[in-house]
N, C-alpha and C. Protein backbone atom coordinates (compact mmCIF):
# COMPACT_ATOMS: atom_id res chain seq x y z
N UNK A 1 50.20 114.84 -35.79
CA UNK A 1 51.30 114.11 -36.65
C UNK A 1 51.69 112.76 -35.71
N UNK A 2 52.36 112.00 -36.62
CA UNK A 2 52.30 110.66 -36.07
C UNK A 2 54.22 110.52 -37.00
N UNK A 3 54.98 109.61 -35.88
CA UNK A 3 56.30 109.45 -35.94
C UNK A 3 56.59 108.88 -34.46
N UNK A 4 58.04 108.61 -34.76
CA UNK A 4 58.83 108.01 -33.41
C UNK A 4 59.28 108.54 -32.65
N UNK A 5 58.87 110.15 -32.71
CA UNK A 5 59.86 111.00 -31.23
C UNK A 5 58.57 111.49 -30.82
N UNK A 6 58.47 111.61 -29.46
CA UNK A 6 57.29 111.74 -28.28
C UNK A 6 57.17 113.38 -28.98
N UNK A 7 56.36 113.54 -28.89
CA UNK A 7 55.30 115.14 -29.22
C UNK A 7 54.88 115.54 -28.16
N UNK A 8 54.55 116.44 -27.28
CA UNK A 8 53.51 116.78 -26.56
C UNK A 8 53.52 118.58 -26.91
N UNK A 9 52.35 119.05 -26.51
CA UNK A 9 52.08 120.62 -26.90
C UNK A 9 52.91 121.61 -26.14
N UNK A 10 53.77 122.11 -26.64
CA UNK A 10 53.99 123.32 -26.22
C UNK A 10 52.82 124.15 -25.15
N UNK A 11 53.31 124.39 -24.06
CA UNK A 11 52.65 125.89 -23.55
C UNK A 11 53.39 126.85 -22.74
N UNK A 12 52.54 128.16 -23.04
CA UNK A 12 52.99 129.62 -22.66
C UNK A 12 52.85 129.42 -21.71
N UNK A 13 53.52 130.57 -21.18
CA UNK A 13 53.90 130.95 -19.19
C UNK A 13 52.12 130.71 -18.58
N UNK A 14 51.08 130.61 -19.05
CA UNK A 14 49.83 130.71 -18.32
C UNK A 14 49.39 129.06 -18.57
N UNK A 15 50.55 128.15 -18.78
CA UNK A 15 50.23 126.88 -19.30
C UNK A 15 49.29 126.39 -20.32
N UNK A 16 48.85 127.43 -20.79
CA UNK A 16 47.73 127.18 -22.44
C UNK A 16 48.52 126.64 -23.12
N UNK A 17 48.48 125.53 -24.16
CA UNK A 17 48.97 125.00 -25.24
C UNK A 17 48.89 125.87 -26.19
N UNK A 18 50.19 126.27 -26.66
CA UNK A 18 50.58 127.10 -27.99
C UNK A 18 49.87 125.99 -29.41
N UNK A 19 49.07 127.13 -30.07
CA UNK A 19 48.38 126.51 -31.26
C UNK A 19 49.60 125.88 -32.07
N UNK A 20 49.32 125.15 -32.44
CA UNK A 20 50.36 124.18 -34.01
C UNK A 20 52.01 124.17 -33.59
N UNK A 21 51.89 123.75 -32.18
CA UNK A 21 53.38 124.13 -31.61
C UNK A 21 53.95 122.67 -30.68
N UNK A 22 54.66 122.44 -30.74
CA UNK A 22 55.17 120.99 -30.23
C UNK A 22 56.18 121.21 -29.33
N UNK A 23 56.65 120.25 -28.23
CA UNK A 23 57.84 120.37 -27.89
C UNK A 23 58.20 118.95 -27.46
N UNK A 24 59.41 118.07 -28.01
CA UNK A 24 60.08 116.80 -27.90
C UNK A 24 60.69 116.94 -26.53
N UNK A 25 60.84 115.47 -26.07
CA UNK A 25 61.19 115.31 -24.66
C UNK A 25 62.55 116.28 -23.99
N UNK A 26 63.41 115.93 -25.40
CA UNK A 26 64.82 116.55 -25.16
C UNK A 26 64.48 117.85 -25.30
N UNK A 27 63.83 118.98 -25.39
CA UNK A 27 63.12 120.33 -25.96
C UNK A 27 63.44 120.78 -26.98
N UNK A 28 63.52 119.95 -28.32
CA UNK A 28 63.59 120.63 -29.55
C UNK A 28 61.84 120.95 -29.59
N UNK A 29 61.63 122.41 -30.30
CA UNK A 29 60.90 122.86 -30.57
C UNK A 29 60.16 122.56 -32.13
N UNK A 30 59.25 122.21 -32.29
CA UNK A 30 58.28 121.81 -33.76
C UNK A 30 57.35 122.91 -33.88
N UNK A 31 56.69 123.40 -35.20
CA UNK A 31 55.68 124.63 -35.25
C UNK A 31 55.36 124.61 -36.55
N UNK A 32 54.25 124.47 -36.76
CA UNK A 32 53.62 124.37 -37.97
C UNK A 32 53.29 125.94 -38.10
N UNK A 33 53.99 126.87 -39.76
CA UNK A 33 53.74 127.72 -39.52
C UNK A 33 52.91 127.93 -41.01
N UNK A 34 51.49 128.56 -40.84
CA UNK A 34 50.77 128.58 -42.02
C UNK A 34 50.89 129.93 -42.81
N UNK A 35 51.60 129.82 -43.74
CA UNK A 35 52.14 130.67 -44.66
C UNK A 35 51.34 130.76 -45.84
N UNK A 36 51.51 131.01 -47.07
CA UNK A 36 51.00 130.77 -48.41
C UNK A 36 50.56 128.95 -48.51
N UNK A 37 52.18 128.66 -48.00
CA UNK A 37 52.63 127.22 -48.26
C UNK A 37 52.64 126.87 -46.80
N UNK A 38 51.98 125.62 -46.12
CA UNK A 38 52.72 125.60 -44.56
C UNK A 38 54.05 124.53 -44.84
N UNK A 39 54.73 124.92 -43.43
CA UNK A 39 56.12 125.10 -43.57
C UNK A 39 56.36 124.50 -41.75
N UNK A 40 56.91 123.92 -41.63
CA UNK A 40 57.15 123.48 -40.30
C UNK A 40 58.88 124.10 -40.13
N UNK A 41 58.95 124.41 -38.50
CA UNK A 41 60.21 125.31 -38.30
C UNK A 41 60.70 124.44 -36.90
N UNK A 42 61.87 123.90 -36.90
CA UNK A 42 62.58 123.59 -36.05
C UNK A 42 63.76 124.12 -35.09
N UNK A 43 63.28 124.13 -33.98
CA UNK A 43 64.16 124.69 -33.20
C UNK A 43 65.01 123.87 -32.33
N UNK A 44 66.56 124.37 -32.13
CA UNK A 44 67.27 123.21 -31.05
C UNK A 44 66.73 123.47 -29.68
N UNK A 45 66.90 123.05 -28.74
CA UNK A 45 66.63 123.18 -27.30
C UNK A 45 67.71 124.41 -26.53
N UNK A 46 66.88 125.28 -26.28
CA UNK A 46 67.57 126.53 -25.63
C UNK A 46 67.76 127.68 -26.72
N UNK A 47 67.17 126.79 -28.02
CA UNK A 47 67.82 128.02 -29.54
C UNK A 47 66.45 129.21 -29.16
N UNK A 48 66.77 129.97 -29.96
CA UNK A 48 65.72 131.33 -30.38
C UNK A 48 65.65 131.50 -31.26
N UNK A 49 65.68 130.77 -32.09
CA UNK A 49 65.69 131.22 -33.64
C UNK A 49 65.63 129.36 -34.73
N UNK A 50 64.64 129.05 -35.29
CA UNK A 50 64.60 127.64 -35.94
C UNK A 50 66.05 127.52 -36.77
N UNK A 51 66.44 126.50 -36.25
CA UNK A 51 67.55 126.06 -37.55
C UNK A 51 67.13 125.46 -38.61
N UNK A 52 66.09 125.19 -38.87
CA UNK A 52 65.90 124.14 -40.33
C UNK A 52 64.01 124.77 -40.20
N UNK A 53 63.91 124.65 -41.50
CA UNK A 53 62.58 124.72 -41.95
C UNK A 53 62.03 123.87 -43.21
N UNK A 54 60.96 123.60 -43.27
CA UNK A 54 60.77 122.12 -44.40
C UNK A 54 59.27 122.71 -44.46
N UNK A 55 59.06 121.72 -45.53
CA UNK A 55 57.60 121.73 -46.18
C UNK A 55 56.79 120.32 -46.23
N UNK A 56 57.67 119.43 -45.18
CA UNK A 56 57.52 117.79 -45.45
C UNK A 56 57.41 117.68 -44.03
N UNK A 57 56.55 117.52 -43.20
CA UNK A 57 56.16 116.89 -41.86
C UNK A 57 56.92 116.10 -41.48
N UNK A 58 57.54 114.71 -42.77
CA UNK A 58 58.17 113.24 -41.77
C UNK A 58 59.87 114.37 -42.24
N UNK A 59 60.31 115.04 -42.62
CA UNK A 59 61.42 115.53 -42.85
C UNK A 59 61.84 116.02 -41.14
N UNK A 60 60.68 116.87 -40.86
CA UNK A 60 61.07 117.19 -39.26
C UNK A 60 61.40 116.23 -38.73
N UNK A 61 61.41 114.74 -38.62
CA UNK A 61 61.64 114.16 -37.22
C UNK A 61 63.47 113.72 -38.22
N UNK A 62 63.42 113.64 -39.41
CA UNK A 62 65.07 113.07 -40.10
C UNK A 62 65.41 114.38 -39.16
N UNK A 63 65.63 115.51 -39.40
CA UNK A 63 65.97 117.01 -39.22
C UNK A 63 66.73 116.62 -37.72
N UNK A 64 65.84 116.97 -36.59
CA UNK A 64 65.55 115.99 -35.48
C UNK A 64 66.69 115.05 -35.20
N UNK A 65 66.43 114.09 -35.72
CA UNK A 65 67.32 112.66 -35.46
C UNK A 65 68.91 113.27 -36.15
N UNK A 66 68.76 113.58 -36.98
CA UNK A 66 70.31 113.93 -37.47
C UNK A 66 70.98 114.64 -36.56
N UNK A 67 70.40 116.07 -36.05
CA UNK A 67 70.94 117.44 -35.51
C UNK A 67 71.38 116.56 -34.21
N UNK A 68 70.59 115.78 -33.47
CA UNK A 68 71.12 114.91 -32.31
C UNK A 68 72.15 114.31 -32.28
N UNK A 69 72.03 113.83 -33.77
CA UNK A 69 73.20 112.70 -33.80
C UNK A 69 74.76 113.78 -33.90
N UNK A 70 74.53 114.71 -34.54
CA UNK A 70 75.88 116.13 -35.02
C UNK A 70 76.25 116.14 -33.31
N UNK A 71 75.09 116.50 -32.50
CA UNK A 71 75.22 117.44 -31.74
C UNK A 71 75.45 116.52 -30.68
N UNK A 72 75.18 115.40 -30.53
CA UNK A 72 75.33 114.21 -29.63
C UNK A 72 74.28 114.77 -28.18
N UNK A 73 72.74 115.32 -28.60
CA UNK A 73 71.89 115.64 -27.69
C UNK A 73 71.54 113.99 -27.60
N UNK A 74 71.54 113.75 -25.95
CA UNK A 74 70.86 112.18 -25.41
C UNK A 74 69.51 112.46 -26.13
N UNK A 75 68.68 111.10 -26.65
CA UNK A 75 66.97 111.31 -27.29
C UNK A 75 66.59 110.80 -25.43
């Protein structure tokens, strides 16, 4: 994923990277789900369920930036 947001692999409880799952510095979680068509999910910091789903990788970053602006999450 190339973008303007810093993403690092999300780790499980034993510090093993979770496949196709990343986290931003402000704790948004981005995951790639391999369904019949690939879908990206975006979960807010502290959230339990995604607030957005998209088939477009670049839309992931626009969704996070828009959500930050709407909820005033510091970058």
